[in-house]
Amino acid sequence: MLVLICGILLMLAGIWTMLAKKNLIRIIIGFSILDTGTHLLIVAIGYVKNATAPIIDAGVKLAAAPNGDKLVLGKVVDPVPSALVLTAIVIGLAVTALMLAYAVRLHKTRGSVNIDDYEEQKW
């Protein structure tokens, strides 16, 4: 429950930072905070209380199904959210690096990272 609340708070802080700040670097940091909050939220949703890791070993009891397959009797944590978070971390890192490279390029061109200095790029 604590991880879920922390994830939501981080997401709100990231959204607020992205909307309230005018500095491109701070906006990118806000995006990174939002991304981290999303990861925590996904992990918190996929967590099962008093469960073991999704590794079939002596700690997880197996039972035979009617068709001969093995069924897991013990409670295990769902591995799909964890795999999605690992993938999202890699994608988030790449997107953050791309945004930072774009901000550096804008700073080299105009000498500013304030979004108010780029009026001609607005719709």
C-alpha atoms as a PDB file:
ATOM      1  CA  MET A   1       0.000   0.000   0.000  1.00  0.00           C
ATOM      2  CA  LEU A   2       2.876   2.357   0.822  1.00  0.00           C
ATOM      3  CA  VAL A   3       4.496   1.709  -2.573  1.00  0.00           C
ATOM      4  CA  LEU A   4       1.182   2.419  -4.306  1.00  0.00           C
ATOM      5  CA  ILE A   5       0.800   5.751  -2.491  1.00  0.00           C
ATOM      6  CA  CYS A   6       4.427   6.705  -3.191  1.00  0.00           C
ATOM      7  CA  GLY A   7       3.944   5.875  -6.876  1.00  0.00           C
ATOM      8  CA  ILE A   8       0.845   8.068  -7.113  1.00  0.00           C
ATOM      9  CA  LEU A   9       2.581  10.925  -5.267  1.00  0.00           C
ATOM     10  CA  LEU A  10       5.596  10.701  -7.572  1.00  0.00           C
ATOM     11  CA  MET A  11       3.334  10.731 -10.609  1.00  0.00           C
ATOM     12  CA  LEU A  12       1.537  13.834  -9.333  1.00  0.00           C
ATOM     13  CA  ALA A  13       4.847  15.554  -8.534  1.00  0.00           C
ATOM     14  CA  GLY A  14       6.145  14.749 -12.017  1.00  0.00           C
ATOM     15  CA  ILE A  15       3.013  16.072 -13.721  1.00  0.00           C
ATOM     16  CA  TRP A  16       3.115  19.239 -11.618  1.00  0.00           C
ATOM     17  CA  THR A  17       6.797  19.774 -12.446  1.00  0.00           C
ATOM     18  CA  MET A  18       6.193  19.296 -16.161  1.00  0.00           C
ATOM     19  CA  LEU A  19       3.278  21.746 -16.208  1.00  0.00           C
ATOM     20  CA  ALA A  20       4.499  24.421 -13.781  1.00  0.00           C
ATOM     21  CA  LYS A  21       8.150  24.877 -14.756  1.00  0.00           C
ATOM     22  CA  LYS A  22       9.525  26.843 -17.714  1.00  0.00           C
ATOM     23  CA  ASN A  23      13.045  25.361 -17.753  1.00  0.00           C
ATOM     24  CA  LEU A  24      13.463  22.483 -20.221  1.00  0.00           C
ATOM     25  CA  ILE A  25      15.835  20.575 -17.929  1.00  0.00           C
ATOM     26  CA  ARG A  26      13.327  20.747 -15.069  1.00  0.00           C
ATOM     27  CA  ILE A  27      10.562  19.577 -17.393  1.00  0.00           C
ATOM     28  CA  ILE A  28      12.701  16.598 -18.391  1.00  0.00           C
ATOM     29  CA  ILE A  29      13.372  15.835 -14.712  1.00  0.00           C
ATOM     30  CA  GLY A  30       9.607  16.019 -14.116  1.00  0.00           C
ATOM     31  CA  PHE A  31       9.089  13.497 -16.907  1.00  0.00           C
ATOM     32  CA  SER A  32      11.639  11.203 -15.278  1.00  0.00           C
ATOM     33  CA  ILE A  33       9.881  11.514 -11.903  1.00  0.00           C
ATOM     34  CA  LEU A  34       6.538  10.745 -13.567  1.00  0.00           C
ATOM     35  CA  ASP A  35       8.127   7.720 -15.238  1.00  0.00           C
ATOM     36  CA  THR A  36       9.479   6.442 -11.917  1.00  0.00           C
ATOM     37  CA  GLY A  37       6.082   6.878 -10.267  1.00  0.00           C
ATOM     38  CA  THR A  38       4.491   4.874 -13.056  1.00  0.00           C
ATOM     39  CA  HIS A  39       6.994   2.071 -12.515  1.00  0.00           C
ATOM     40  CA  LEU A  40       6.241   1.983  -8.791  1.00  0.00           C
ATOM     41  CA  LEU A  41       2.509   1.945  -9.502  1.00  0.00           C
ATOM     42  CA  ILE A  42       2.794  -1.000 -11.890  1.00  0.00           C
ATOM     43  CA  VAL A  43       4.945  -2.973  -9.432  1.00  0.00           C
ATOM     44  CA  ALA A  44       2.534  -2.212  -6.578  1.00  0.00           C
ATOM     45  CA  ILE A  45      -0.438  -3.411  -8.608  1.00  0.00           C
ATOM     46  CA  GLY A  46       1.329  -6.659  -9.554  1.00  0.00           C
ATOM     47  CA  TYR A  47       2.416  -7.456  -5.983  1.00  0.00           C
ATOM     48  CA  VAL A  48       0.745 -10.316  -4.124  1.00  0.00           C
ATOM     49  CA  LYS A  49       0.997 -10.246  -0.313  1.00  0.00           C
ATOM     50  CA  ASN A  50       2.773 -13.210   1.318  1.00  0.00           C
ATOM     51  CA  ALA A  51       3.731 -14.655  -2.062  1.00  0.00           C
ATOM     52  CA  THR A  52       7.013 -16.028  -3.327  1.00  0.00           C
ATOM     53  CA  ALA A  53       9.043 -15.204  -6.390  1.00  0.00           C
ATOM     54  CA  PRO A  54       7.741 -16.750  -9.627  1.00  0.00           C
ATOM     55  CA  ILE A  55      10.445 -19.428  -9.616  1.00  0.00           C
ATOM     56  CA  ILE A  56       9.267 -23.014  -9.504  1.00  0.00           C
ATOM     57  CA  ASP A  57      11.355 -24.736  -6.815  1.00  0.00           C
ATOM     58  CA  ALA A  58      10.897 -26.513  -3.491  1.00  0.00           C
ATOM     59  CA  GLY A  59       9.144 -23.474  -1.967  1.00  0.00           C
ATOM     60  CA  VAL A  60       6.290 -23.637  -4.475  1.00  0.00           C
ATOM     61  CA  LYS A  61       3.959 -26.609  -4.272  1.00  0.00           C
ATOM     62  CA  LEU A  62       2.951 -28.262  -7.533  1.00  0.00           C
ATOM     63  CA  ALA A  63      -0.063 -30.446  -8.240  1.00  0.00           C
ATOM     64  CA  ALA A  64      -0.921 -32.613 -11.194  1.00  0.00           C
ATOM     65  CA  ALA A  65      -3.739 -31.401 -13.412  1.00  0.00           C
ATOM     66  CA  PRO A  66      -6.200 -33.887 -14.955  1.00  0.00           C
ATOM     67  CA  ASN A  67      -4.393 -33.641 -18.303  1.00  0.00           C
ATOM     68  CA  GLY A  68      -1.003 -34.402 -16.728  1.00  0.00           C
ATOM     69  CA  ASP A  69       0.301 -30.818 -16.575  1.00  0.00           C
ATOM     70  CA  LYS A  70       1.716 -29.345 -13.395  1.00  0.00           C
ATOM     71  CA  LEU A  71      -0.312 -26.642 -11.600  1.00  0.00           C
ATOM     72  CA  VAL A  72       1.107 -24.194  -9.081  1.00  0.00           C
ATOM     73  CA  LEU A  73      -0.644 -24.400  -5.704  1.00  0.00           C
ATOM     74  CA  GLY A  74       1.450 -21.847  -3.799  1.00  0.00           C
ATOM     75  CA  LYS A  75       0.954 -18.117  -4.166  1.00  0.00           C
ATOM     76  CA  VAL A  76       3.467 -16.543  -6.526  1.00  0.00           C
ATOM     77  CA  VAL A  77       3.903 -12.954  -7.660  1.00  0.00           C
ATOM     78  CA  ASP A  78       2.839 -12.256 -11.238  1.00  0.00           C
ATOM     79  CA  PRO A  79       6.050 -11.828 -13.284  1.00  0.00           C
ATOM     80  CA  VAL A  80       4.418  -9.867 -16.137  1.00  0.00           C
ATOM     81  CA  PRO A  81       4.289  -6.460 -14.368  1.00  0.00           C
ATOM     82  CA  SER A  82       7.924  -6.803 -13.349  1.00  0.00           C
ATOM     83  CA  ALA A  83       8.927  -7.608 -16.922  1.00  0.00           C
ATOM     84  CA  LEU A  84       6.916  -4.640 -18.194  1.00  0.00           C
ATOM     85  CA  VAL A  85       8.607  -2.331 -15.687  1.00  0.00           C
ATOM     86  CA  LEU A  86      12.058  -3.514 -16.757  1.00  0.00           C
ATOM     87  CA  THR A  87      11.155  -2.795 -20.363  1.00  0.00           C
ATOM     88  CA  ALA A  88       9.670   0.586 -19.433  1.00  0.00           C
ATOM     89  CA  ILE A  89      12.838   1.551 -17.545  1.00  0.00           C
ATOM     90  CA  VAL A  90      14.946   0.958 -20.659  1.00  0.00           C
ATOM     91  CA  ILE A  91      12.514   2.858 -22.878  1.00  0.00           C
ATOM     92  CA  GLY A  92      12.274   5.705 -20.354  1.00  0.00           C
ATOM     93  CA  LEU A  93      16.044   5.986 -20.232  1.00  0.00           C
ATOM     94  CA  ALA A  94      16.229   6.232 -24.019  1.00  0.00           C
ATOM     95  CA  VAL A  95      13.463   8.843 -24.178  1.00  0.00           C
ATOM     96  CA  THR A  96      15.094  10.890 -21.397  1.00  0.00           C
ATOM     97  CA  ALA A  97      18.448  10.780 -23.192  1.00  0.00           C
ATOM     98  CA  LEU A  98      16.764  11.915 -26.417  1.00  0.00           C
ATOM     99  CA  MET A  99      15.011  14.789 -24.634  1.00  0.00           C
ATOM    100  CA  LEU A 100      18.263  15.877 -22.975  1.00  0.00           C
ATOM    101  CA  ALA A 101      20.080  15.772 -26.309  1.00  0.00           C
ATOM    102  CA  TYR A 102      17.326  17.917 -27.806  1.00  0.00           C
ATOM    103  CA  ALA A 103      17.565  20.392 -24.891  1.00  0.00           C
ATOM    104  CA  VAL A 104      21.344  20.633 -25.300  1.00  0.00           C
ATOM    105  CA  ARG A 105      20.904  21.277 -29.024  1.00  0.00           C
ATOM    106  CA  LEU A 106      18.345  24.008 -28.328  1.00  0.00           C
ATOM    107  CA  HIS A 107      20.702  25.584 -25.789  1.00  0.00           C
ATOM    108  CA  LYS A 108      23.548  25.574 -28.328  1.00  0.00           C
ATOM    109  CA  THR A 109      21.310  27.168 -30.955  1.00  0.00           C
ATOM    110  CA  ARG A 110      19.596  29.825 -28.846  1.00  0.00           C
ATOM    111  CA  GLY A 111      21.593  29.972 -25.620  1.00  0.00           C
ATOM    112  CA  SER A 112      18.528  29.394 -23.447  1.00  0.00           C
ATOM    113  CA  VAL A 113      16.565  26.497 -21.990  1.00  0.00           C
ATOM    114  CA  ASN A 114      13.524  28.601 -21.057  1.00  0.00           C
ATOM    115  CA  ILE A 115      10.455  27.561 -23.055  1.00  0.00           C
ATOM    116  CA  ASP A 116       9.247  31.178 -23.278  1.00  0.00           C
ATOM    117  CA  ASP A 117      12.186  31.933 -25.582  1.00  0.00           C
ATOM    118  CA  TYR A 118      10.829  29.598 -28.264  1.00  0.00           C
ATOM    119  CA  GLU A 119       7.612  31.380 -29.233  1.00  0.00           C
ATOM    120  CA  GLU A 120       7.882  30.617 -32.972  1.00  0.00           C
ATOM    121  CA  GLN A 121       7.695  26.883 -32.293  1.00  0.00           C
ATOM    122  CA  LYS A 122       4.252  27.109 -30.713  1.00  0.00           C
ATOM    123  CA  TRP A 123       1.225  26.091 -32.723  1.00  0.00           C
END
